[in-house]
Amino acid sequence: EDRKIATRQSYGETLAQLGEKNSRVVVLDADL
């Protein structure tokens, strides 16, 4: 309970790591 992380933050960080390993990964967002 002393270590809290929003799952959206975990998503963003992991997505960037995934992008380094897989060039087929593309990301789209709606201005958010």
Full PDB file with SEQRES, HELIX, SHEET, SSBOND, CRYST1, ORIGX, SCALE, CONECT and MASTER records, all heavy atoms in Angstrom:
SEQRES   1 A   32  GLU ASP ARG LYS ILE ALA THR ARG GLN SER TYR GLY GLU          
SEQRES   2 A   32  THR LEU ALA GLN LEU GLY GLU LYS ASN SER ARG VAL VAL          
SEQRES   3 A   32  VAL LEU ASP ALA ASP LEU                                      
HELIX    1 AA1 THR A    7  LYS A   21  1                                  15    
CRYST1    1.000    1.000    1.000  90.00  90.00  90.00 P 1           1          
ORIGX1      1.000000  0.000000  0.000000        0.00000                         
ORIGX2      0.000000  1.000000  0.000000        0.00000                         
ORIGX3      0.000000  0.000000  1.000000        0.00000                         
SCALE1      1.000000  0.000000  0.000000        0.00000                         
SCALE2      0.000000  1.000000  0.000000        0.00000                         
SCALE3      0.000000  0.000000  1.000000        0.00000                         
ATOM      1  N   GLU A   1       0.820  -1.218   0.000  1.00  0.00           N  
ATOM      2  CA  GLU A   1       0.000   0.000   0.000  1.00  0.00           C  
ATOM      3  C   GLU A   1       0.851   1.263   0.000  1.00  0.00           C  
ATOM      4  O   GLU A   1       0.346   2.359  -0.271  1.00  0.00           O  
ATOM      5  CB  GLU A   1      -0.942  -0.007   1.196  1.00  0.00           C  
ATOM      6  CG  GLU A   1      -2.046  -1.049   1.089  1.00  0.00           C  
ATOM      7  CD  GLU A   1      -3.154  -0.811   2.096  1.00  0.00           C  
ATOM      8  OE1 GLU A   1      -3.740   0.293   2.079  1.00  0.00           O  
ATOM      9  OE2 GLU A   1      -3.423  -1.720   2.893  1.00  0.00           O  
ATOM     10  N   ASP A   2       2.133   1.126   0.292  1.00  0.00           N  
ATOM     11  CA  ASP A   2       3.020   2.285   0.281  1.00  0.00           C  
ATOM     12  C   ASP A   2       3.508   2.624  -1.124  1.00  0.00           C  
ATOM     13  O   ASP A   2       4.029   3.708  -1.370  1.00  0.00           O  
ATOM     14  CB  ASP A   2       4.224   2.032   1.183  1.00  0.00           C  
ATOM     15  CG  ASP A   2       3.833   1.914   2.649  1.00  0.00           C  
ATOM     16  OD1 ASP A   2       2.870   2.596   3.043  1.00  0.00           O  
ATOM     17  OD2 ASP A   2       4.467   1.133   3.378  1.00  0.00           O  
ATOM     18  N   ARG A   3       3.339   1.672  -2.029  1.00  0.00           N  
ATOM     19  CA  ARG A   3       3.783   1.884  -3.419  1.00  0.00           C  
ATOM     20  C   ARG A   3       2.558   1.856  -4.328  1.00  0.00           C  
ATOM     21  O   ARG A   3       1.957   0.811  -4.534  1.00  0.00           O  
ATOM     22  CB  ARG A   3       4.791   0.809  -3.827  1.00  0.00           C  
ATOM     23  CG  ARG A   3       5.384   1.030  -5.212  1.00  0.00           C  
ATOM     24  CD  ARG A   3       6.563   0.109  -5.464  1.00  0.00           C  
ATOM     25  NE  ARG A   3       7.007   0.246  -6.844  1.00  0.00           N  
ATOM     26  CZ  ARG A   3       6.981  -0.725  -7.747  1.00  0.00           C  
ATOM     27  NH1 ARG A   3       6.548  -1.921  -7.406  1.00  0.00           N  
ATOM     28  NH2 ARG A   3       7.387  -0.522  -8.978  1.00  0.00           N  
ATOM     29  N   LYS A   4       2.193   3.014  -4.831  1.00  0.00           N  
ATOM     30  CA  LYS A   4       1.011   3.113  -5.678  1.00  0.00           C  
ATOM     31  C   LYS A   4       1.389   3.665  -7.052  1.00  0.00           C  
ATOM     32  O   LYS A   4       2.153   4.635  -7.151  1.00  0.00           O  
ATOM     33  CB  LYS A   4      -0.046   4.008  -5.038  1.00  0.00           C  
ATOM     34  CG  LYS A   4      -0.643   3.446  -3.751  1.00  0.00           C  
ATOM     35  CD  LYS A   4      -1.748   4.343  -3.230  1.00  0.00           C  
ATOM     36  CE  LYS A   4      -2.388   3.747  -1.986  1.00  0.00           C  
ATOM     37  NZ  LYS A   4      -3.506   4.601  -1.489  1.00  0.00           N  
ATOM     38  N   ILE A   5       0.860   3.029  -8.091  1.00  0.00           N  
ATOM     39  CA  ILE A   5       1.127   3.442  -9.467  1.00  0.00           C  
ATOM     40  C   ILE A   5      -0.177   3.343 -10.252  1.00  0.00           C  
ATOM     41  O   ILE A   5      -0.896   2.341 -10.150  1.00  0.00           O  
ATOM     42  CB  ILE A   5       2.203   2.543 -10.124  1.00  0.00           C  
ATOM     43  CG1 ILE A   5       3.490   2.553  -9.304  1.00  0.00           C  
ATOM     44  CG2 ILE A   5       2.479   2.988 -11.562  1.00  0.00           C  
ATOM     45  CD1 ILE A   5       4.529   1.566  -9.781  1.00  0.00           C  
ATOM     46  N   ALA A   6      -0.475   4.349 -11.046  1.00  0.00           N  
ATOM     47  CA  ALA A   6      -1.660   4.292 -11.902  1.00  0.00           C  
ATOM     48  C   ALA A   6      -1.390   3.340 -13.062  1.00  0.00           C  
ATOM     49  O   ALA A   6      -0.305   3.376 -13.662  1.00  0.00           O  
ATOM     50  CB  ALA A   6      -1.992   5.680 -12.429  1.00  0.00           C  
ATOM     51  N   THR A   7      -2.355   2.510 -13.387  1.00  0.00           N  
ATOM     52  CA  THR A   7      -2.149   1.542 -14.474  1.00  0.00           C  
ATOM     53  C   THR A   7      -1.934   2.245 -15.820  1.00  0.00           C  
ATOM     54  O   THR A   7      -1.277   1.696 -16.706  1.00  0.00           O  
ATOM     55  CB  THR A   7      -3.317   0.547 -14.570  1.00  0.00           C  
ATOM     56  OG1 THR A   7      -4.565   1.270 -14.655  1.00  0.00           O  
ATOM     57  CG2 THR A   7      -3.350  -0.367 -13.362  1.00  0.00           C  
ATOM     58  N   ARG A   8      -2.436   3.458 -15.973  1.00  0.00           N  
ATOM     59  CA  ARG A   8      -2.181   4.199 -17.224  1.00  0.00           C  
ATOM     60  C   ARG A   8      -0.701   4.574 -17.343  1.00  0.00           C  
ATOM     61  O   ARG A   8      -0.142   4.624 -18.449  1.00  0.00           O  
ATOM     62  CB  ARG A   8      -3.079   5.438 -17.315  1.00  0.00           C  
ATOM     63  CG  ARG A   8      -2.855   6.456 -16.229  1.00  0.00           C  
ATOM     64  CD  ARG A   8      -3.910   7.568 -16.268  1.00  0.00           C  
ATOM     65  NE  ARG A   8      -3.812   8.421 -15.099  1.00  0.00           N  
ATOM     66  CZ  ARG A   8      -3.445   9.700 -15.123  1.00  0.00           C  
ATOM     67  NH1 ARG A   8      -3.137  10.270 -16.273  1.00  0.00           N  
ATOM     68  NH2 ARG A   8      -3.398  10.416 -14.017  1.00  0.00           N  
ATOM     69  N   GLN A   9      -0.051   4.835 -16.199  1.00  0.00           N  
ATOM     70  CA  GLN A   9       1.380   5.124 -16.209  1.00  0.00           C  
ATOM     71  C   GLN A   9       2.172   3.875 -16.580  1.00  0.00           C  
ATOM     72  O   GLN A   9       3.113   3.932 -17.385  1.00  0.00           O  
ATOM     73  CB  GLN A   9       1.823   5.634 -14.833  1.00  0.00           C  
ATOM     74  CG  GLN A   9       3.300   5.999 -14.742  1.00  0.00           C  
ATOM     75  CD  GLN A   9       3.662   7.235 -15.536  1.00  0.00           C  
ATOM     76  OE1 GLN A   9       2.856   8.155 -15.648  1.00  0.00           O  
ATOM     77  NE2 GLN A   9       4.865   7.259 -16.093  1.00  0.00           N  
ATOM     78  N   SER A  10       1.789   2.741 -16.018  1.00  0.00           N  
ATOM     79  CA  SER A  10       2.434   1.461 -16.338  1.00  0.00           C  
ATOM     80  C   SER A  10       2.295   1.160 -17.824  1.00  0.00           C  
ATOM     81  O   SER A  10       3.225   0.673 -18.472  1.00  0.00           O  
ATOM     82  CB  SER A  10       1.787   0.337 -15.522  1.00  0.00           C  
ATOM     83  OG  SER A  10       1.691   0.684 -14.164  1.00  0.00           O  
ATOM     84  N   TYR A  11       1.123   1.463 -18.361  1.00  0.00           N  
ATOM     85  CA  TYR A  11       0.856   1.270 -19.788  1.00  0.00           C  
ATOM     86  C   TYR A  11       1.796   2.105 -20.645  1.00  0.00           C  
ATOM     87  O   TYR A  11       2.452   1.602 -21.557  1.00  0.00           O  
ATOM     88  CB  TYR A  11      -0.609   1.627 -20.069  1.00  0.00           C  
ATOM     89  CG  TYR A  11      -0.932   1.900 -21.516  1.00  0.00           C  
ATOM     90  CD1 TYR A  11      -0.718   0.946 -22.504  1.00  0.00           C  
ATOM     91  CD2 TYR A  11      -1.489   3.131 -21.899  1.00  0.00           C  
ATOM     92  CE1 TYR A  11      -1.033   1.201 -23.831  1.00  0.00           C  
ATOM     93  CE2 TYR A  11      -1.810   3.392 -23.212  1.00  0.00           C  
ATOM     94  CZ  TYR A  11      -1.578   2.426 -24.192  1.00  0.00           C  
ATOM     95  OH  TYR A  11      -1.889   2.677 -25.498  1.00  0.00           O  
ATOM     96  N   GLY A  12       1.884   3.392 -20.353  1.00  0.00           N  
ATOM     97  CA  GLY A  12       2.715   4.277 -21.153  1.00  0.00           C  
ATOM     98  C   GLY A  12       4.175   3.867 -21.161  1.00  0.00           C  
ATOM     99  O   GLY A  12       4.837   3.870 -22.212  1.00  0.00           O  
ATOM    100  N   GLU A  13       4.694   3.517 -20.003  1.00  0.00           N  
ATOM    101  CA  GLU A  13       6.102   3.123 -19.905  1.00  0.00           C  
ATOM    102  C   GLU A  13       6.370   1.811 -20.641  1.00  0.00           C  
ATOM    103  O   GLU A  13       7.377   1.676 -21.346  1.00  0.00           O  
ATOM    104  CB  GLU A  13       6.496   3.006 -18.437  1.00  0.00           C  
ATOM    105  CG  GLU A  13       6.501   4.343 -17.702  1.00  0.00           C  
ATOM    106  CD  GLU A  13       6.764   4.205 -16.212  1.00  0.00           C  
ATOM    107  OE1 GLU A  13       7.014   3.075 -15.752  1.00  0.00           O  
ATOM    108  OE2 GLU A  13       6.714   5.237 -15.498  1.00  0.00           O  
ATOM    109  N   THR A  14       5.474   0.857 -20.492  1.00  0.00           N  
ATOM    110  CA  THR A  14       5.654  -0.446 -21.146  1.00  0.00           C  
ATOM    111  C   THR A  14       5.511  -0.327 -22.651  1.00  0.00           C  
ATOM    112  O   THR A  14       6.204  -0.998 -23.417  1.00  0.00           O  
ATOM    113  CB  THR A  14       4.647  -1.468 -20.601  1.00  0.00           C  
ATOM    114  OG1 THR A  14       4.727  -1.485 -19.178  1.00  0.00           O  
ATOM    115  CG2 THR A  14       4.939  -2.867 -21.131  1.00  0.00           C  
ATOM    116  N   LEU A  15       4.616   0.523 -23.087  1.00  0.00           N  
ATOM    117  CA  LEU A  15       4.402   0.733 -24.519  1.00  0.00           C  
ATOM    118  C   LEU A  15       5.671   1.258 -25.188  1.00  0.00           C  
ATOM    119  O   LEU A  15       6.039   0.814 -26.289  1.00  0.00           O  
ATOM    120  CB  LEU A  15       3.255   1.729 -24.699  1.00  0.00           C  
ATOM    121  CG  LEU A  15       2.631   1.865 -26.080  1.00  0.00           C  
ATOM    122  CD1 LEU A  15       2.104   0.529 -26.578  1.00  0.00           C  
ATOM    123  CD2 LEU A  15       1.508   2.893 -26.037  1.00  0.00           C  
ATOM    124  N   ALA A  16       6.355   2.170 -24.525  1.00  0.00           N  
ATOM    125  CA  ALA A  16       7.605   2.704 -25.067  1.00  0.00           C  
ATOM    126  C   ALA A  16       8.676   1.617 -25.153  1.00  0.00           C  
ATOM    127  O   ALA A  16       9.428   1.539 -26.130  1.00  0.00           O  
ATOM    128  CB  ALA A  16       8.091   3.868 -24.210  1.00  0.00           C  
ATOM    129  N   GLN A  17       8.730   0.762 -24.146  1.00  0.00           N  
ATOM    130  CA  GLN A  17       9.680  -0.354 -24.165  1.00  0.00           C  
ATOM    131  C   GLN A  17       9.348  -1.338 -25.283  1.00  0.00           C  
ATOM    132  O   GLN A  17      10.234  -1.853 -25.962  1.00  0.00           O  
ATOM    133  CB  GLN A  17       9.668  -1.064 -22.817  1.00  0.00           C  
ATOM    134  CG  GLN A  17      10.188  -0.216 -21.668  1.00  0.00           C  
ATOM    135  CD  GLN A  17       9.857  -0.782 -20.303  1.00  0.00           C  
ATOM    136  OE1 GLN A  17       9.248  -1.850 -20.191  1.00  0.00           O  
ATOM    137  NE2 GLN A  17      10.216  -0.062 -19.257  1.00  0.00           N  
ATOM    138  N   LEU A  18       8.053  -1.563 -25.477  1.00  0.00           N  
ATOM    139  CA  LEU A  18       7.610  -2.465 -26.538  1.00  0.00           C  
ATOM    140  C   LEU A  18       7.983  -1.907 -27.910  1.00  0.00           C  
ATOM    141  O   LEU A  18       8.371  -2.653 -28.819  1.00  0.00           O  
ATOM    142  CB  LEU A  18       6.096  -2.665 -26.430  1.00  0.00           C  
ATOM    143  CG  LEU A  18       5.439  -3.652 -27.387  1.00  0.00           C  
ATOM    144  CD1 LEU A  18       5.983  -5.062 -27.185  1.00  0.00           C  
ATOM    145  CD2 LEU A  18       3.921  -3.638 -27.186  1.00  0.00           C  
ATOM    146  N   GLY A  19       7.882  -0.608 -28.036  1.00  0.00           N  
ATOM    147  CA  GLY A  19       8.224   0.028 -29.303  1.00  0.00           C  
ATOM    148  C   GLY A  19       9.662  -0.173 -29.700  1.00  0.00           C  
ATOM    149  O   GLY A  19       9.993  -0.232 -30.897  1.00  0.00           O  
ATOM    150  N   GLU A  20      10.551  -0.283 -28.729  1.00  0.00           N  
ATOM    151  CA  GLU A  20      11.964  -0.520 -29.005  1.00  0.00           C  
ATOM    152  C   GLU A  20      12.207  -1.926 -29.537  1.00  0.00           C  
ATOM    153  O   GLU A  20      13.122  -2.154 -30.325  1.00  0.00           O  
ATOM    154  CB  GLU A  20      12.785  -0.291 -27.734  1.00  0.00           C  
ATOM    155  CG  GLU A  20      12.794   1.150 -27.267  1.00  0.00           C  
ATOM    156  CD  GLU A  20      13.565   1.335 -25.980  1.00  0.00           C  
ATOM    157  OE1 GLU A  20      14.000   0.309 -25.397  1.00  0.00           O  
ATOM    158  OE2 GLU A  20      13.735   2.490 -25.547  1.00  0.00           O  
ATOM    159  N   LYS A  21      11.364  -2.864 -29.106  1.00  0.00           N  
ATOM    160  CA  LYS A  21      11.552  -4.265 -29.486  1.00  0.00           C  
ATOM    161  C   LYS A  21      10.788  -4.667 -30.740  1.00  0.00           C  
ATOM    162  O   LYS A  21      11.150  -5.633 -31.398  1.00  0.00           O  
ATOM    163  CB  LYS A  21      11.131  -5.181 -28.321  1.00  0.00           C  
ATOM    164  CG  LYS A  21      11.962  -5.023 -27.069  1.00  0.00           C  
ATOM    165  CD  LYS A  21      11.582  -6.030 -26.000  1.00  0.00           C  
ATOM    166  CE  LYS A  21      10.259  -5.701 -25.364  1.00  0.00           C  
ATOM    167  NZ  LYS A  21       9.954  -6.592 -24.211  1.00  0.00           N  
ATOM    168  N   ASN A  22       9.735  -3.931 -31.063  1.00  0.00           N  
ATOM    169  CA  ASN A  22       8.868  -4.347 -32.164  1.00  0.00           C  
ATOM    170  C   ASN A  22       8.531  -3.129 -33.032  1.00  0.00           C  
ATOM    171  O   ASN A  22       7.751  -2.279 -32.640  1.00  0.00           O  
ATOM    172  CB  ASN A  22       7.590  -4.988 -31.614  1.00  0.00           C  
ATOM    173  CG  ASN A  22       6.777  -5.692 -32.677  1.00  0.00           C  
ATOM    174  OD1 ASN A  22       6.858  -5.368 -33.866  1.00  0.00           O  
ATOM    175  ND2 ASN A  22       5.976  -6.660 -32.265  1.00  0.00           N  
ATOM    176  N   SER A  23       9.099  -3.096 -34.217  1.00  0.00           N  
ATOM    177  CA  SER A  23       8.901  -1.953 -35.114  1.00  0.00           C  
ATOM    178  C   SER A  23       7.503  -1.913 -35.718  1.00  0.00           C  
ATOM    179  O   SER A  23       7.114  -0.907 -36.320  1.00  0.00           O  
ATOM    180  CB  SER A  23       9.944  -1.981 -36.233  1.00  0.00           C  
ATOM    181  OG  SER A  23       9.811  -3.179 -37.000  1.00  0.00           O  
ATOM    182  N   ARG A  24       6.726  -2.989 -35.575  1.00  0.00           N  
ATOM    183  CA  ARG A  24       5.351  -3.014 -36.096  1.00  0.00           C  
ATOM    184  C   ARG A  24       4.386  -2.257 -35.187  1.00  0.00           C  
ATOM    185  O   ARG A  24       3.280  -1.905 -35.610  1.00  0.00           O  
ATOM    186  CB  ARG A  24       4.858  -4.462 -36.251  1.00  0.00           C  
ATOM    187  CG  ARG A  24       5.564  -5.260 -37.337  1.00  0.00           C  
ATOM    188  CD  ARG A  24       5.124  -6.719 -37.266  1.00  0.00           C  
ATOM    189  NE  ARG A  24       3.676  -6.847 -37.439  1.00  0.00           N  
ATOM    190  CZ  ARG A  24       2.955  -7.858 -36.943  1.00  0.00           C  
ATOM    191  NH1 ARG A  24       3.549  -8.816 -36.232  1.00  0.00           N  
ATOM    192  NH2 ARG A  24       1.653  -7.904 -37.157  1.00  0.00           N  
ATOM    193  N   VAL A  25       4.801  -1.984 -33.961  1.00  0.00           N  
ATOM    194  CA  VAL A  25       3.930  -1.293 -33.015  1.00  0.00           C  
ATOM    195  C   VAL A  25       3.822   0.185 -33.388  1.00  0.00           C  
ATOM    196  O   VAL A  25       4.827   0.884 -33.536  1.00  0.00           O  
ATOM    197  CB  VAL A  25       4.457  -1.440 -31.573  1.00  0.00           C  
ATOM    198  CG1 VAL A  25       3.688  -0.536 -30.619  1.00  0.00           C  
ATOM    199  CG2 VAL A  25       4.357  -2.897 -31.126  1.00  0.00           C  
ATOM    200  N   VAL A  26       2.579   0.635 -33.532  1.00  0.00           N  
ATOM    201  CA  VAL A  26       2.301   2.046 -33.756  1.00  0.00           C  
ATOM    202  C   VAL A  26       1.276   2.480 -32.708  1.00  0.00           C  
ATOM    203  O   VAL A  26       0.502   1.667 -32.204  1.00  0.00           O  
ATOM    204  CB  VAL A  26       1.771   2.326 -35.175  1.00  0.00           C  
ATOM    205  CG1 VAL A  26       2.833   2.031 -36.212  1.00  0.00           C  
ATOM    206  CG2 VAL A  26       0.503   1.512 -35.456  1.00  0.00           C  
ATOM    207  N   VAL A  27       1.280   3.754 -32.380  1.00  0.00           N  
ATOM    208  CA  VAL A  27       0.398   4.252 -31.321  1.00  0.00           C  
ATOM    209  C   VAL A  27      -0.416   5.434 -31.830  1.00  0.00           C  
ATOM    210  O   VAL A  27       0.120   6.329 -32.500  1.00  0.00           O  
ATOM    211  CB  VAL A  27       1.222   4.663 -30.080  1.00  0.00           C  
ATOM    212  CG1 VAL A  27       0.333   5.274 -29.007  1.00  0.00           C  
ATOM    213  CG2 VAL A  27       1.963   3.447 -29.516  1.00  0.00           C  
ATOM    214  N   LEU A  28      -1.704   5.410 -31.511  1.00  0.00           N  
ATOM    215  CA  LEU A  28      -2.609   6.480 -31.907  1.00  0.00           C  
ATOM    216  C   LEU A  28      -3.329   7.014 -30.672  1.00  0.00           C  
ATOM    217  O   LEU A  28      -3.651   6.246 -29.762  1.00  0.00           O  
ATOM    218  CB  LEU A  28      -3.651   5.990 -32.916  1.00  0.00           C  
ATOM    219  CG  LEU A  28      -3.142   5.435 -34.248  1.00  0.00           C  
ATOM    220  CD1 LEU A  28      -2.831   3.947 -34.139  1.00  0.00           C  
ATOM    221  CD2 LEU A  28      -4.188   5.656 -35.346  1.00  0.00           C  
ATOM    222  N   ASP A  29      -3.582   8.316 -30.662  1.00  0.00           N  
ATOM    223  CA  ASP A  29      -4.264   8.933 -29.527  1.00  0.00           C  
ATOM    224  C   ASP A  29      -5.188  10.030 -30.034  1.00  0.00           C  
ATOM    225  O   ASP A  29      -4.985  10.564 -31.131  1.00  0.00           O  
ATOM    226  CB  ASP A  29      -3.233   9.505 -28.548  1.00  0.00           C  
ATOM    227  CG  ASP A  29      -3.784   9.645 -27.137  1.00  0.00           C  
ATOM    228  OD1 ASP A  29      -4.665  10.506 -26.937  1.00  0.00           O  
ATOM    229  OD2 ASP A  29      -3.354   8.894 -26.252  1.00  0.00           O  
ATOM    230  N   ALA A  30      -6.196  10.347 -29.232  1.00  0.00           N  
ATOM    231  CA  ALA A  30      -7.169  11.374 -29.610  1.00  0.00           C  
ATOM    232  C   ALA A  30      -6.968  12.640 -28.777  1.00  0.00           C  
ATOM    233  O   ALA A  30      -7.852  13.065 -28.039  1.00  0.00           O  
ATOM    234  CB  ALA A  30      -8.586  10.838 -29.470  1.00  0.00           C  
ATOM    235  N   ASP A  31      -5.777  13.196 -28.879  1.00  0.00           N  
ATOM    236  CA  ASP A  31      -5.434  14.474 -28.251  1.00  0.00           C  
ATOM    237  C   ASP A  31      -5.443  14.428 -26.724  1.00  0.00           C  
ATOM    238  O   ASP A  31      -5.714  15.435 -26.064  1.00  0.00           O  
ATOM    239  CB  ASP A  31      -6.398  15.576 -28.728  1.00  0.00           C  
ATOM    240  CG  ASP A  31      -5.726  16.951 -28.764  1.00  0.00           C  
ATOM    241  OD1 ASP A  31      -4.515  17.016 -29.038  1.00  0.00           O  
ATOM    242  OD2 ASP A  31      -6.416  17.951 -28.506  1.00  0.00           O  
ATOM    243  N   LEU A  32      -5.134  13.260 -26.168  1.00  0.00           N  
ATOM    244  CA  LEU A  32      -5.088  13.113 -24.713  1.00  0.00           C  
ATOM    245  C   LEU A  32      -3.817  12.388 -24.272  1.00  0.00           C  
ATOM    246  O   LEU A  32      -3.798  11.738 -23.232  1.00  0.00           O  
ATOM    247  CB  LEU A  32      -6.327  12.334 -24.222  1.00  0.00           C  
ATOM    248  CG  LEU A  32      -7.649  13.102 -24.233  1.00  0.00           C  
ATOM    249  CD1 LEU A  32      -8.817  12.153 -24.022  1.00  0.00           C  
ATOM    250  CD2 LEU A  32      -7.654  14.185 -23.167  1.00  0.00           C  
TER     251      LEU A  32                                                      
MASTER        0    0    0    1    0    0    0    6  250    1    0    3          
END                                                                             
